[in-house]
Every structure is written in structure tokens, then in C-alpha cells.
Amino acid sequence: MIKATMINQSQISFSVIMPLYNKAKYVERSITSVLKQSYDHYEIVIVNDGSTDSSLEIARKYESGKVRVLDQSNRGVSSARNVGIENSSHEYLCFLDADDSWKPNFLEVLRGMINAYPDAGLYATSYQIFEYGKKTRNAMVNTNIAGEKMGILPDFFKAYTIGDSPLHMSSLCIPRRVFNDIDGFPEGERWGEDLDVFGRVAFRYPIIFSKEVCTDCRRDAEGRACNSYDRHSDWVFFKNAMDELKGNHLAERTKAELKDYLNYKRMEIVVRSVKAGNYEHAWRMLYGIDPDKLFRGKSLYFLFEKVQRKLTNFLKKA
């Protein structure tokens, strides 16, 4: 089991990777939130991914010794993140979506976490959510870190099925050595590329979580991939997860939690497919769900009602 130790804090420097696509309304706020960090051992690498608004022009106003702006044709957020990493210098990689922002102490908090747990594979803090015209609220994360402000996240996959997601791409840090080990972000995926990275890290390394809220995350911003519904989108992590379940190195408890997690995510894909009008795909995914386990975590009754209506209408027309 990983133990808390101490390392030389002067060794900790961060590369902040910011993919940018049509976020002219928010990107200035995101960049300035990094520049206002109380811990200043960092660089910012912004990768414009073919924006058609004024995002690139706004970002270029901040170019300096600490801020670099790269430009590429539109190849997707995973490509932009991978390009940013390839062109970055420091060991600890942070990711900030161009519509999110950090509290001034975010990197300072991460430094303390890395100092305490230098061998971990991912460091994350809690976050605030601004969603769809509603007021901001703190994420409700089931960390199971009893009485501790910071520590190892013991039940990663279980935490995803109870409350809000424990990890958000804008509120975490991954060491470069770990990122190299998992072979980067999967390119060409419409959604779920971040969850794929989280899962592959969780299979191999401990994840450290801090309950301190250090990031503001928007769910109402224009152009977010998670706000759209592809008629043929699958979840890239399924194959990796099924391969892991077939192996012998996962503990039985982890296998059980992973199965519940996949069960929940299948239901999420069913809902996405229904919203996209892809009822055949929704039906195939619904067939693989274990109903006895579906309601152990998050309440999904409202999803079932909607799915049932949509699929019933589809079957009547078939």
C-alpha cells in the first residue's frame, strides 16, 4: 500500500494543458485563473483546435515566457491534449478546459498532495459546478475518506456510481511518467475519453483526493461534447474494462465495483442513444444491464421512465 512520504518541494513544477475550441466567452477567465496561482512554478500550453470564433486571438494576447499558444486544425479534444503534452516541459500535467477556472490555491494544494504521496498516479481536488442556468454548487463526491481532508480514494469505481463524479478533468494532475504508461488520450472518440484515462490510471495506481474545492466547472458552456448526442457513440472504456475483468490481477472487490460501474455507464449510454434517436443502439445496450444492481447507487428511475417511453414508441413503429 502506498504510504505518505516527503519529497523536495522545489522539484514540483506543473505543465498546464488547455485545449481550446470556440470558447471566446470563457477562455480569458480560464487563463487568468492560472496566472493568479499562488504557486508559480508552472507553464501554460494552449492548443487551439480549429476554433472558428475569436478564441485564438484572445489566447494569443497572453503569450509570454509562461504561456505558449499552439494552433492546429480541428482534430478533437484528445488530440489537442496529447499535442499540448508533447510540447510541454514539466513532470506534473494539469488539464484545464477553456470554460473552467481554478481557485488561486489549486496548484499549491496539488503540490502538498504530491509531496505527501509522490508515488500516486493521479491527484484530484473537489470542485464547484455551474450547471444549466442554476446557481453554483459544490460537487457531492462520495470519497469514503473518513475524517480526512486528503487521502487515497479507496473505492474509485464505486464512487462514480454514488453522487457526482470524483474526478473532473479540470481539477486533477497526472505525473508524466503515469501518462506515458497509459499511452495518452484516445483520439477520435466523441465522448468519454477522459473517463477512459481515469479508469486506466485507476487500474494501475493509487488515486489521491482532496476534499478542498479548488476548481469552478461549467456544464452550461456552448460547444461541450458532453452536451451533444452522437447517433453512433460508444464508450471507449468498455473494451479496456472488459479486458481487465478477464485478467487475474484485480481484487474481487474491485471487480465487483467495476461491474456495477459499467452497469451504470451502460444506462447512461442508453439515455444518450435515446436522446440521439438511436433506439436500436439503446436497446442493445439496455439488454446488457443487470437490473438487480442498477439502483444500488444513483437513482435512475427517471431515466428508465424516459427510456421506456422512447423504446416503446420505437418498437411499435418497427
C-alpha atoms as a PDB file:
ATOM      1  CA  MET A   1       0.000   0.000   0.000  1.00  0.00           C
ATOM      2  CA  ILE A   2       1.226   3.466  -0.846  1.00  0.00           C
ATOM      3  CA  LYS A   3       2.466   5.470   2.144  1.00  0.00           C
ATOM      4  CA  ALA A   4       2.685   9.199   2.644  1.00  0.00           C
ATOM      5  CA  THR A   5       6.304  10.376   2.404  1.00  0.00           C
ATOM      6  CA  MET A   6       8.034  13.696   1.839  1.00  0.00           C
ATOM      7  CA  ILE A   7       9.916  14.921  -1.234  1.00  0.00           C
ATOM      8  CA  ASN A   8      11.807  18.049  -2.151  1.00  0.00           C
ATOM      9  CA  GLN A   9       9.088  20.579  -2.962  1.00  0.00           C
ATOM     10  CA  SER A  10      11.437  22.544  -5.233  1.00  0.00           C
ATOM     11  CA  GLN A  11      11.217  19.635  -7.708  1.00  0.00           C
ATOM     12  CA  ILE A  12       7.481  20.114  -8.297  1.00  0.00           C
ATOM     13  CA  SER A  13       6.632  22.057 -11.449  1.00  0.00           C
ATOM     14  CA  PHE A  14       3.426  21.898 -13.480  1.00  0.00           C
ATOM     15  CA  SER A  15       2.552  21.976 -17.163  1.00  0.00           C
ATOM     16  CA  VAL A  16      -0.997  23.250 -17.627  1.00  0.00           C
ATOM     17  CA  ILE A  17      -2.564  21.907 -20.821  1.00  0.00           C
ATOM     18  CA  MET A  18      -5.560  23.867 -22.151  1.00  0.00           C
ATOM     19  CA  PRO A  19      -7.429  22.562 -25.218  1.00  0.00           C
ATOM     20  CA  LEU A  20      -9.303  25.396 -26.891  1.00  0.00           C
ATOM     21  CA  TYR A  21     -12.266  25.220 -29.229  1.00  0.00           C
ATOM     22  CA  ASN A  22     -14.756  28.086 -29.591  1.00  0.00           C
ATOM     23  CA  LYS A  23     -14.550  29.323 -26.014  1.00  0.00           C
ATOM     24  CA  ALA A  24     -14.148  33.044 -26.681  1.00  0.00           C
ATOM     25  CA  LYS A  25     -16.680  33.805 -23.963  1.00  0.00           C
ATOM     26  CA  TYR A  26     -14.701  31.987 -21.258  1.00  0.00           C
ATOM     27  CA  VAL A  27     -11.051  31.496 -22.209  1.00  0.00           C
ATOM     28  CA  GLU A  28      -9.749  34.780 -20.785  1.00  0.00           C
ATOM     29  CA  ARG A  29     -11.174  33.893 -17.382  1.00  0.00           C
ATOM     30  CA  SER A  30      -9.584  30.451 -17.572  1.00  0.00           C
ATOM     31  CA  ILE A  31      -6.138  31.759 -18.475  1.00  0.00           C
ATOM     32  CA  THR A  32      -6.128  34.477 -15.826  1.00  0.00           C
ATOM     33  CA  SER A  33      -7.135  31.948 -13.157  1.00  0.00           C
ATOM     34  CA  VAL A  34      -3.852  30.128 -13.843  1.00  0.00           C
ATOM     35  CA  LEU A  35      -1.805  33.327 -13.912  1.00  0.00           C
ATOM     36  CA  LYS A  36      -3.181  34.205 -10.465  1.00  0.00           C
ATOM     37  CA  GLN A  37      -1.975  30.968  -8.830  1.00  0.00           C
ATOM     38  CA  SER A  38      -0.190  31.403  -5.504  1.00  0.00           C
ATOM     39  CA  TYR A  39       2.329  28.749  -6.592  1.00  0.00           C
ATOM     40  CA  ASP A  40       4.092  29.983  -9.700  1.00  0.00           C
ATOM     41  CA  HIS A  41       6.218  27.041 -10.866  1.00  0.00           C
ATOM     42  CA  TYR A  42       4.188  26.301 -13.977  1.00  0.00           C
ATOM     43  CA  GLU A  43       3.857  26.800 -17.709  1.00  0.00           C
ATOM     44  CA  ILE A  44       0.663  27.035 -19.791  1.00  0.00           C
ATOM     45  CA  VAL A  45       0.368  25.314 -23.159  1.00  0.00           C
ATOM     46  CA  ILE A  46      -2.817  26.306 -25.017  1.00  0.00           C
ATOM     47  CA  VAL A  47      -3.727  24.229 -28.060  1.00  0.00           C
ATOM     48  CA  ASN A  48      -6.276  25.877 -30.321  1.00  0.00           C
ATOM     49  CA  ASP A  49      -8.191  23.079 -32.016  1.00  0.00           C
ATOM     50  CA  GLY A  50      -9.508  24.869 -35.084  1.00  0.00           C
ATOM     51  CA  SER A  51     -11.688  27.451 -33.336  1.00  0.00           C
ATOM     52  CA  THR A  52     -13.969  29.440 -35.644  1.00  0.00           C
ATOM     53  CA  ASP A  53     -14.612  32.282 -33.177  1.00  0.00           C
ATOM     54  CA  SER A  54     -12.119  34.725 -31.625  1.00  0.00           C
ATOM     55  CA  SER A  55     -10.710  32.210 -29.112  1.00  0.00           C
ATOM     56  CA  LEU A  56      -7.265  32.028 -30.747  1.00  0.00           C
ATOM     57  CA  GLU A  57      -6.876  35.808 -30.921  1.00  0.00           C
ATOM     58  CA  ILE A  58      -7.808  36.168 -27.243  1.00  0.00           C
ATOM     59  CA  ALA A  59      -5.381  33.429 -26.192  1.00  0.00           C
ATOM     60  CA  ARG A  60      -2.504  34.934 -28.157  1.00  0.00           C
ATOM     61  CA  LYS A  61      -2.787  38.146 -26.146  1.00  0.00           C
ATOM     62  CA  TYR A  62      -1.357  36.187 -23.205  1.00  0.00           C
ATOM     63  CA  GLU A  63       1.677  34.667 -24.944  1.00  0.00           C
ATOM     64  CA  SER A  64       4.778  35.113 -22.791  1.00  0.00           C
ATOM     65  CA  GLY A  65       7.602  33.160 -21.204  1.00  0.00           C
ATOM     66  CA  LYS A  66       4.983  31.223 -19.230  1.00  0.00           C
ATOM     67  CA  VAL A  67       2.266  30.926 -21.875  1.00  0.00           C
ATOM     68  CA  ARG A  68       2.566  29.260 -25.278  1.00  0.00           C
ATOM     69  CA  VAL A  69      -0.209  29.031 -27.852  1.00  0.00           C
ATOM     70  CA  LEU A  70      -0.235  26.287 -30.484  1.00  0.00           C
ATOM     71  CA  ASP A  71      -2.651  26.129 -33.400  1.00  0.00           C
ATOM     72  CA  GLN A  72      -3.930  23.060 -35.251  1.00  0.00           C
ATOM     73  CA  SER A  73      -6.849  22.104 -37.467  1.00  0.00           C
ATOM     74  CA  ASN A  74      -9.843  20.637 -35.656  1.00  0.00           C
ATOM     75  CA  ARG A  75      -8.875  17.124 -34.540  1.00  0.00           C
ATOM     76  CA  GLY A  76     -10.730  16.841 -31.247  1.00  0.00           C
ATOM     77  CA  VAL A  77     -10.014  17.445 -27.586  1.00  0.00           C
ATOM     78  CA  SER A  78      -7.924  14.295 -27.097  1.00  0.00           C
ATOM     79  CA  SER A  79      -5.620  15.277 -29.931  1.00  0.00           C
ATOM     80  CA  ALA A  80      -5.306  18.809 -28.518  1.00  0.00           C
ATOM     81  CA  ARG A  81      -4.404  17.454 -25.086  1.00  0.00           C
ATOM     82  CA  ASN A  82      -1.875  14.994 -26.495  1.00  0.00           C
ATOM     83  CA  VAL A  83      -0.252  17.734 -28.601  1.00  0.00           C
ATOM     84  CA  GLY A  84      -0.110  20.002 -25.560  1.00  0.00           C
ATOM     85  CA  ILE A  85       1.599  17.308 -23.520  1.00  0.00           C
ATOM     86  CA  GLU A  86       4.114  16.590 -26.287  1.00  0.00           C
ATOM     87  CA  ASN A  87       5.028  20.277 -26.324  1.00  0.00           C
ATOM     88  CA  SER A  88       5.213  20.724 -22.542  1.00  0.00           C
ATOM     89  CA  SER A  89       8.243  20.575 -20.264  1.00  0.00           C
ATOM     90  CA  HIS A  90       7.355  19.693 -16.677  1.00  0.00           C
ATOM     91  CA  GLU A  91       6.738  16.408 -14.871  1.00  0.00           C
ATOM     92  CA  TYR A  92       3.266  17.126 -13.470  1.00  0.00           C
ATOM     93  CA  LEU A  93       0.499  17.550 -16.031  1.00  0.00           C
ATOM     94  CA  CYS A  94      -2.658  19.525 -15.253  1.00  0.00           C
ATOM     95  CA  PHE A  95      -5.587  19.977 -17.602  1.00  0.00           C
ATOM     96  CA  LEU A  96      -7.877  22.984 -17.665  1.00  0.00           C
ATOM     97  CA  ASP A  97     -10.810  23.165 -20.062  1.00  0.00           C
ATOM     98  CA  ALA A  98     -11.107  26.647 -21.537  1.00  0.00           C
ATOM     99  CA  ASP A  99     -14.531  27.226 -19.948  1.00  0.00           C
ATOM    100  CA  ASP A 100     -13.436  26.251 -16.412  1.00  0.00           C
ATOM    101  CA  SER A 101     -11.238  28.084 -13.913  1.00  0.00           C
ATOM    102  CA  TRP A 102      -9.115  27.491 -10.807  1.00  0.00           C
ATOM    103  CA  LYS A 103      -9.116  28.955  -7.347  1.00  0.00           C
ATOM    104  CA  PRO A 104      -5.802  30.748  -6.628  1.00  0.00           C
ATOM    105  CA  ASN A 105      -4.589  27.910  -4.379  1.00  0.00           C
ATOM    106  CA  PHE A 106      -5.165  24.985  -6.771  1.00  0.00           C
ATOM    107  CA  LEU A 107      -1.522  24.311  -7.656  1.00  0.00           C
ATOM    108  CA  GLU A 108      -0.486  24.893  -4.047  1.00  0.00           C
ATOM    109  CA  VAL A 109      -2.927  22.213  -2.910  1.00  0.00           C
ATOM    110  CA  LEU A 110      -1.663  19.831  -5.589  1.00  0.00           C
ATOM    111  CA  ARG A 111       1.914  20.447  -4.501  1.00  0.00           C
ATOM    112  CA  GLY A 112       1.028  19.394  -0.969  1.00  0.00           C
ATOM    113  CA  MET A 113      -0.668  16.239  -2.225  1.00  0.00           C
ATOM    114  CA  ILE A 114       2.299  15.282  -4.399  1.00  0.00           C
ATOM    115  CA  ASN A 115       4.666  15.992  -1.545  1.00  0.00           C
ATOM    116  CA  ALA A 116       2.709  13.638   0.723  1.00  0.00           C
ATOM    117  CA  TYR A 117       2.055  10.873  -1.845  1.00  0.00           C
ATOM    118  CA  PRO A 118       4.800  11.047  -4.502  1.00  0.00           C
ATOM    119  CA  ASP A 119       4.143   7.559  -5.919  1.00  0.00           C
ATOM    120  CA  ALA A 120       0.450   8.044  -6.728  1.00  0.00           C
ATOM    121  CA  GLY A 121      -0.893   8.013 -10.273  1.00  0.00           C
ATOM    122  CA  LEU A 122      -3.365  10.880 -10.096  1.00  0.00           C
ATOM    123  CA  TYR A 123      -4.113  13.796  -7.745  1.00  0.00           C
ATOM    124  CA  ALA A 124      -7.537  15.437  -7.683  1.00  0.00           C
ATOM    125  CA  THR A 125      -9.411  18.057  -5.689  1.00  0.00           C
ATOM    126  CA  SER A 126     -13.112  18.625  -5.260  1.00  0.00           C
ATOM    127  CA  TYR A 127     -14.818  21.201  -7.442  1.00  0.00           C
ATOM    128  CA  GLN A 128     -17.798  23.505  -7.881  1.00  0.00           C
ATOM    129  CA  ILE A 129     -20.383  23.028 -10.618  1.00  0.00           C
ATOM    130  CA  PHE A 130     -22.240  25.746 -12.507  1.00  0.00           C
ATOM    131  CA  GLU A 131     -24.897  23.958 -14.488  1.00  0.00           C
ATOM    132  CA  TYR A 132     -27.526  24.974 -16.995  1.00  0.00           C
ATOM    133  CA  GLY A 133     -28.527  28.332 -15.576  1.00  0.00           C
ATOM    134  CA  LYS A 134     -28.643  27.109 -11.984  1.00  0.00           C
ATOM    135  CA  LYS A 135     -26.552  28.529  -9.169  1.00  0.00           C
ATOM    136  CA  THR A 136     -23.148  27.086  -8.378  1.00  0.00           C
ATOM    137  CA  ARG A 137     -22.988  24.124  -6.030  1.00  0.00           C
ATOM    138  CA  ASN A 138     -20.168  22.033  -4.619  1.00  0.00           C
ATOM    139  CA  ALA A 139     -19.773  18.597  -6.158  1.00  0.00           C
ATOM    140  CA  MET A 140     -21.235  15.866  -3.951  1.00  0.00           C
ATOM    141  CA  VAL A 141     -18.471  13.283  -4.076  1.00  0.00           C
ATOM    142  CA  ASN A 142     -18.578  10.041  -2.112  1.00  0.00           C
ATOM    143  CA  THR A 143     -14.863   9.716  -1.336  1.00  0.00           C
ATOM    144  CA  ASN A 144     -15.061   7.385   1.669  1.00  0.00           C
ATOM    145  CA  ILE A 145     -12.034   9.205   3.108  1.00  0.00           C
ATOM    146  CA  ALA A 146     -13.373   9.200   6.644  1.00  0.00           C
ATOM    147  CA  GLY A 147     -12.306  12.137   8.782  1.00  0.00           C
ATOM    148  CA  GLU A 148      -9.534  13.100   6.383  1.00  0.00           C
ATOM    149  CA  LYS A 149      -9.159  16.181   4.238  1.00  0.00           C
ATOM    150  CA  MET A 150      -6.887  14.330   1.835  1.00  0.00           C
ATOM    151  CA  GLY A 151      -6.005  10.711   1.203  1.00  0.00           C
ATOM    152  CA  ILE A 152      -6.202   7.672  -1.029  1.00  0.00           C
ATOM    153  CA  LEU A 153      -9.531   7.232  -2.820  1.00  0.00           C
ATOM    154  CA  PRO A 154     -10.283   3.645  -1.753  1.00  0.00           C
ATOM    155  CA  ASP A 155     -13.319   2.842  -3.898  1.00  0.00           C
ATOM    156  CA  PHE A 156     -12.773   4.638  -7.207  1.00  0.00           C
ATOM    157  CA  PHE A 157     -15.382   2.850  -9.321  1.00  0.00           C
ATOM    158  CA  LYS A 158     -17.931   2.748  -6.517  1.00  0.00           C
ATOM    159  CA  ALA A 159     -17.559   6.499  -6.003  1.00  0.00           C
ATOM    160  CA  TYR A 160     -18.629   7.053  -9.612  1.00  0.00           C
ATOM    161  CA  THR A 161     -21.998   5.410  -9.021  1.00  0.00           C
ATOM    162  CA  ILE A 162     -22.837   7.428  -5.878  1.00  0.00           C
ATOM    163  CA  GLY A 163     -23.084  11.205  -6.100  1.00  0.00           C
ATOM    164  CA  ASP A 164     -21.104  13.365  -8.521  1.00  0.00           C
ATOM    165  CA  SER A 165     -18.042  12.068 -10.321  1.00  0.00           C
ATOM    166  CA  PRO A 166     -14.988  12.143  -8.040  1.00  0.00           C
ATOM    167  CA  LEU A 167     -12.741  13.291 -10.906  1.00  0.00           C
ATOM    168  CA  HIS A 168     -13.118  16.210 -13.269  1.00  0.00           C
ATOM    169  CA  MET A 169     -10.541  16.843 -15.973  1.00  0.00           C
ATOM    170  CA  SER A 170     -10.078  20.447 -14.838  1.00  0.00           C
ATOM    171  CA  SER A 171      -9.445  19.520 -11.199  1.00  0.00           C
ATOM    172  CA  LEU A 172      -6.623  16.991 -11.372  1.00  0.00           C
ATOM    173  CA  CYS A 173      -2.967  16.325 -12.099  1.00  0.00           C
ATOM    174  CA  ILE A 174      -1.264  13.274 -13.640  1.00  0.00           C
ATOM    175  CA  PRO A 175       2.512  12.702 -13.489  1.00  0.00           C
ATOM    176  CA  ARG A 176       4.120  12.462 -16.912  1.00  0.00           C
ATOM    177  CA  ARG A 177       5.544   9.016 -16.085  1.00  0.00           C
ATOM    178  CA  VAL A 178       1.997   7.740 -15.488  1.00  0.00           C
ATOM    179  CA  PHE A 179       0.633   9.369 -18.606  1.00  0.00           C
ATOM    180  CA  ASN A 180       3.357   7.719 -20.671  1.00  0.00           C
ATOM    181  CA  ASP A 181       2.486   4.374 -19.088  1.00  0.00           C
ATOM    182  CA  ILE A 182      -1.182   4.562 -20.145  1.00  0.00           C
ATOM    183  CA  ASP A 183      -0.412   5.738 -23.702  1.00  0.00           C
ATOM    184  CA  GLY A 184      -2.216   9.073 -23.624  1.00  0.00           C
ATOM    185  CA  PHE A 185      -5.732  10.186 -24.509  1.00  0.00           C
ATOM    186  CA  PRO A 186      -7.671   8.073 -27.034  1.00  0.00           C
ATOM    187  CA  GLU A 187      -8.119  10.116 -30.198  1.00  0.00           C
ATOM    188  CA  GLY A 188     -11.150  10.047 -32.467  1.00  0.00           C
ATOM    189  CA  GLU A 189     -13.663   9.484 -29.659  1.00  0.00           C
ATOM    190  CA  ARG A 190     -16.827  11.599 -29.406  1.00  0.00           C
ATOM    191  CA  TRP A 191     -17.137  11.361 -25.629  1.00  0.00           C
ATOM    192  CA  GLY A 192     -15.800   9.508 -22.597  1.00  0.00           C
ATOM    193  CA  GLU A 193     -12.113   9.956 -23.442  1.00  0.00           C
ATOM    194  CA  ASP A 194     -11.451  11.476 -20.017  1.00  0.00           C
ATOM    195  CA  LEU A 195     -13.171   8.590 -18.205  1.00  0.00           C
ATOM    196  CA  ASP A 196     -11.063   6.167 -20.210  1.00  0.00           C
ATOM    197  CA  VAL A 197      -7.895   7.839 -18.924  1.00  0.00           C
ATOM    198  CA  PHE A 198      -9.187   7.871 -15.336  1.00  0.00           C
ATOM    199  CA  GLY A 199     -10.027   4.186 -15.482  1.00  0.00           C
ATOM    200  CA  ARG A 200      -6.698   3.142 -16.963  1.00  0.00           C
ATOM    201  CA  VAL A 201      -4.875   5.090 -14.253  1.00  0.00           C
ATOM    202  CA  ALA A 202      -7.072   3.558 -11.521  1.00  0.00           C
ATOM    203  CA  PHE A 203      -6.218   0.030 -12.694  1.00  0.00           C
ATOM    204  CA  ARG A 204      -2.510   0.663 -12.113  1.00  0.00           C
ATOM    205  CA  TYR A 205      -2.036   3.368  -9.493  1.00  0.00           C
ATOM    206  CA  PRO A 206      -3.493   4.837  -6.291  1.00  0.00           C
ATOM    207  CA  ILE A 207      -5.577   7.993  -6.712  1.00  0.00           C
ATOM    208  CA  ILE A 208      -5.234  10.778  -4.148  1.00  0.00           C
ATOM    209  CA  PHE A 209      -8.222  13.014  -3.470  1.00  0.00           C
ATOM    210  CA  SER A 210      -8.525  16.296  -1.573  1.00  0.00           C
ATOM    211  CA  LYS A 211     -11.893  17.476  -0.317  1.00  0.00           C
ATOM    212  CA  GLU A 212     -10.822  21.091  -0.762  1.00  0.00           C
ATOM    213  CA  VAL A 213     -12.811  22.817  -3.523  1.00  0.00           C
ATOM    214  CA  CYS A 214     -10.307  24.341  -5.944  1.00  0.00           C
ATOM    215  CA  THR A 215     -11.988  24.401  -9.370  1.00  0.00           C
ATOM    216  CA  ASP A 216     -15.064  26.023 -10.930  1.00  0.00           C
ATOM    217  CA  CYS A 217     -16.521  23.815 -13.659  1.00  0.00           C
ATOM    218  CA  ARG A 218     -19.209  24.858 -16.120  1.00  0.00           C
ATOM    219  CA  ARG A 219     -21.769  22.483 -17.538  1.00  0.00           C
ATOM    220  CA  ASP A 220     -23.663  25.153 -19.438  1.00  0.00           C
ATOM    221  CA  ALA A 221     -20.949  26.305 -21.831  1.00  0.00           C
ATOM    222  CA  GLU A 222     -21.531  26.186 -25.572  1.00  0.00           C
ATOM    223  CA  GLY A 223     -19.659  23.598 -27.604  1.00  0.00           C
ATOM    224  CA  ARG A 224     -19.179  20.993 -24.895  1.00  0.00           C
ATOM    225  CA  ALA A 225     -19.007  17.469 -26.313  1.00  0.00           C
ATOM    226  CA  CYS A 226     -20.905  16.088 -23.327  1.00  0.00           C
ATOM    227  CA  ASN A 227     -23.849  18.346 -24.219  1.00  0.00           C
ATOM    228  CA  SER A 228     -24.261  16.707 -27.624  1.00  0.00           C
ATOM    229  CA  TYR A 229     -25.502  13.251 -28.544  1.00  0.00           C
ATOM    230  CA  ASP A 230     -23.880  11.247 -31.315  1.00  0.00           C
ATOM    231  CA  ARG A 231     -26.148   8.730 -33.036  1.00  0.00           C
ATOM    232  CA  HIS A 232     -23.396   6.123 -33.011  1.00  0.00           C
ATOM    233  CA  SER A 233     -21.299   6.922 -29.950  1.00  0.00           C
ATOM    234  CA  ASP A 234     -19.948   4.113 -27.809  1.00  0.00           C
ATOM    235  CA  TRP A 235     -17.841   4.423 -24.726  1.00  0.00           C
ATOM    236  CA  VAL A 236     -14.152   3.770 -25.348  1.00  0.00           C
ATOM    237  CA  PHE A 237     -13.525   2.495 -21.801  1.00  0.00           C
ATOM    238  CA  PHE A 238     -15.790  -0.563 -22.205  1.00  0.00           C
ATOM    239  CA  LYS A 239     -13.219  -2.605 -24.098  1.00  0.00           C
ATOM    240  CA  ASN A 240     -10.412  -1.752 -21.680  1.00  0.00           C
ATOM    241  CA  ALA A 241     -12.618  -2.579 -18.708  1.00  0.00           C
ATOM    242  CA  MET A 242     -13.752  -5.910 -20.123  1.00  0.00           C
ATOM    243  CA  ASP A 243     -10.136  -6.864 -20.808  1.00  0.00           C
ATOM    244  CA  GLU A 244      -9.243  -6.044 -17.200  1.00  0.00           C
ATOM    245  CA  LEU A 245     -12.141  -8.165 -15.886  1.00  0.00           C
ATOM    246  CA  LYS A 246     -10.889 -11.140 -17.875  1.00  0.00           C
ATOM    247  CA  GLY A 247      -7.475 -10.906 -16.215  1.00  0.00           C
ATOM    248  CA  ASN A 248      -6.462 -12.159 -12.783  1.00  0.00           C
ATOM    249  CA  HIS A 249      -4.742  -9.155 -11.227  1.00  0.00           C
ATOM    250  CA  LEU A 250      -7.822  -7.226 -10.000  1.00  0.00           C
ATOM    251  CA  ALA A 251      -9.069  -7.837  -6.461  1.00  0.00           C
ATOM    252  CA  GLU A 252     -12.540  -9.378  -6.215  1.00  0.00           C
ATOM    253  CA  ARG A 253     -13.878  -6.246  -4.530  1.00  0.00           C
ATOM    254  CA  THR A 254     -12.533  -4.096  -7.364  1.00  0.00           C
ATOM    255  CA  LYS A 255     -14.067  -6.423  -9.948  1.00  0.00           C
ATOM    256  CA  ALA A 256     -17.475  -6.166  -8.268  1.00  0.00           C
ATOM    257  CA  GLU A 257     -17.280  -2.373  -8.120  1.00  0.00           C
ATOM    258  CA  LEU A 258     -16.133  -2.206 -11.743  1.00  0.00           C
ATOM    259  CA  LYS A 259     -19.097  -4.337 -12.848  1.00  0.00           C
ATOM    260  CA  ASP A 260     -21.508  -2.016 -11.025  1.00  0.00           C
ATOM    261  CA  TYR A 261     -19.772   0.974 -12.608  1.00  0.00           C
ATOM    262  CA  LEU A 262     -20.103  -0.492 -16.105  1.00  0.00           C
ATOM    263  CA  ASN A 263     -23.734  -1.279 -15.365  1.00  0.00           C
ATOM    264  CA  TYR A 264     -24.408   2.362 -14.545  1.00  0.00           C
ATOM    265  CA  LYS A 265     -22.469   3.648 -17.551  1.00  0.00           C
ATOM    266  CA  ARG A 266     -24.428   1.336 -19.858  1.00  0.00           C
ATOM    267  CA  MET A 267     -27.588   3.031 -18.634  1.00  0.00           C
ATOM    268  CA  GLU A 268     -26.030   6.411 -19.327  1.00  0.00           C
ATOM    269  CA  ILE A 269     -25.246   5.324 -22.893  1.00  0.00           C
ATOM    270  CA  VAL A 270     -28.830   4.101 -23.273  1.00  0.00           C
ATOM    271  CA  VAL A 271     -30.074   7.572 -22.369  1.00  0.00           C
ATOM    272  CA  ARG A 272     -27.590   9.279 -24.712  1.00  0.00           C
ATOM    273  CA  SER A 273     -28.631   6.958 -27.550  1.00  0.00           C
ATOM    274  CA  VAL A 274     -32.323   7.649 -26.929  1.00  0.00           C
ATOM    275  CA  LYS A 275     -31.699  11.407 -26.989  1.00  0.00           C
ATOM    276  CA  ALA A 276     -29.811  10.950 -30.272  1.00  0.00           C
ATOM    277  CA  GLY A 277     -32.700   8.948 -31.726  1.00  0.00           C
ATOM    278  CA  ASN A 278     -30.570   5.800 -31.999  1.00  0.00           C
ATOM    279  CA  TYR A 279     -33.116   3.436 -30.471  1.00  0.00           C
ATOM    280  CA  GLU A 280     -31.584   0.244 -31.834  1.00  0.00           C
ATOM    281  CA  HIS A 281     -28.296   1.011 -30.108  1.00  0.00           C
ATOM    282  CA  ALA A 282     -30.161   1.936 -26.917  1.00  0.00           C
ATOM    283  CA  TRP A 283     -31.958  -1.392 -26.974  1.00  0.00           C
ATOM    284  CA  ARG A 284     -28.706  -3.339 -27.438  1.00  0.00           C
ATOM    285  CA  MET A 285     -27.085  -1.534 -24.500  1.00  0.00           C
ATOM    286  CA  LEU A 286     -30.187  -1.930 -22.316  1.00  0.00           C
ATOM    287  CA  TYR A 287     -30.067  -5.684 -22.893  1.00  0.00           C
ATOM    288  CA  GLY A 288     -26.633  -5.858 -21.205  1.00  0.00           C
ATOM    289  CA  ILE A 289     -27.710  -4.126 -17.973  1.00  0.00           C
ATOM    290  CA  ASP A 290     -28.091  -6.121 -14.764  1.00  0.00           C
ATOM    291  CA  PRO A 291     -31.357  -4.718 -13.288  1.00  0.00           C
ATOM    292  CA  ASP A 292     -30.638  -6.147  -9.830  1.00  0.00           C
ATOM    293  CA  LYS A 293     -27.634  -3.842  -9.482  1.00  0.00           C
ATOM    294  CA  LEU A 294     -28.802  -0.778 -11.347  1.00  0.00           C
ATOM    295  CA  PHE A 295     -30.356   1.010  -8.382  1.00  0.00           C
ATOM    296  CA  ARG A 296     -27.659   0.341  -5.794  1.00  0.00           C
ATOM    297  CA  GLY A 297     -26.043   3.680  -6.460  1.00  0.00           C
ATOM    298  CA  LYS A 298     -27.535   6.699  -8.192  1.00  0.00           C
ATOM    299  CA  SER A 299     -31.287   6.799  -8.615  1.00  0.00           C
ATOM    300  CA  LEU A 300     -32.074   6.085 -12.278  1.00  0.00           C
ATOM    301  CA  TYR A 301     -35.843   5.652 -12.162  1.00  0.00           C
ATOM    302  CA  PHE A 302     -36.426   8.890 -14.087  1.00  0.00           C
ATOM    303  CA  LEU A 303     -34.102   7.632 -16.812  1.00  0.00           C
ATOM    304  CA  PHE A 304     -35.953   4.339 -17.073  1.00  0.00           C
ATOM    305  CA  GLU A 305     -39.281   6.140 -17.469  1.00  0.00           C
ATOM    306  CA  LYS A 306     -37.950   8.219 -20.345  1.00  0.00           C
ATOM    307  CA  VAL A 307     -36.172   5.298 -21.992  1.00  0.00           C
ATOM    308  CA  GLN A 308     -39.210   3.070 -21.640  1.00  0.00           C
ATOM    309  CA  ARG A 309     -41.440   5.596 -23.411  1.00  0.00           C
ATOM    310  CA  LYS A 310     -38.970   6.158 -26.239  1.00  0.00           C
ATOM    311  CA  LEU A 311     -38.210   2.485 -26.812  1.00  0.00           C
ATOM    312  CA  THR A 312     -41.889   1.519 -26.632  1.00  0.00           C
ATOM    313  CA  ASN A 313     -42.693   4.008 -29.386  1.00  0.00           C
ATOM    314  CA  PHE A 314     -39.772   2.702 -31.432  1.00  0.00           C
ATOM    315  CA  LEU A 315     -40.893  -0.916 -31.104  1.00  0.00           C
ATOM    316  CA  LYS A 316     -44.450  -0.009 -32.116  1.00  0.00           C
ATOM    317  CA  LYS A 317     -43.128   1.526 -35.330  1.00  0.00           C
ATOM    318  CA  ALA A 318     -40.735  -1.347 -36.068  1.00  0.00           C
END
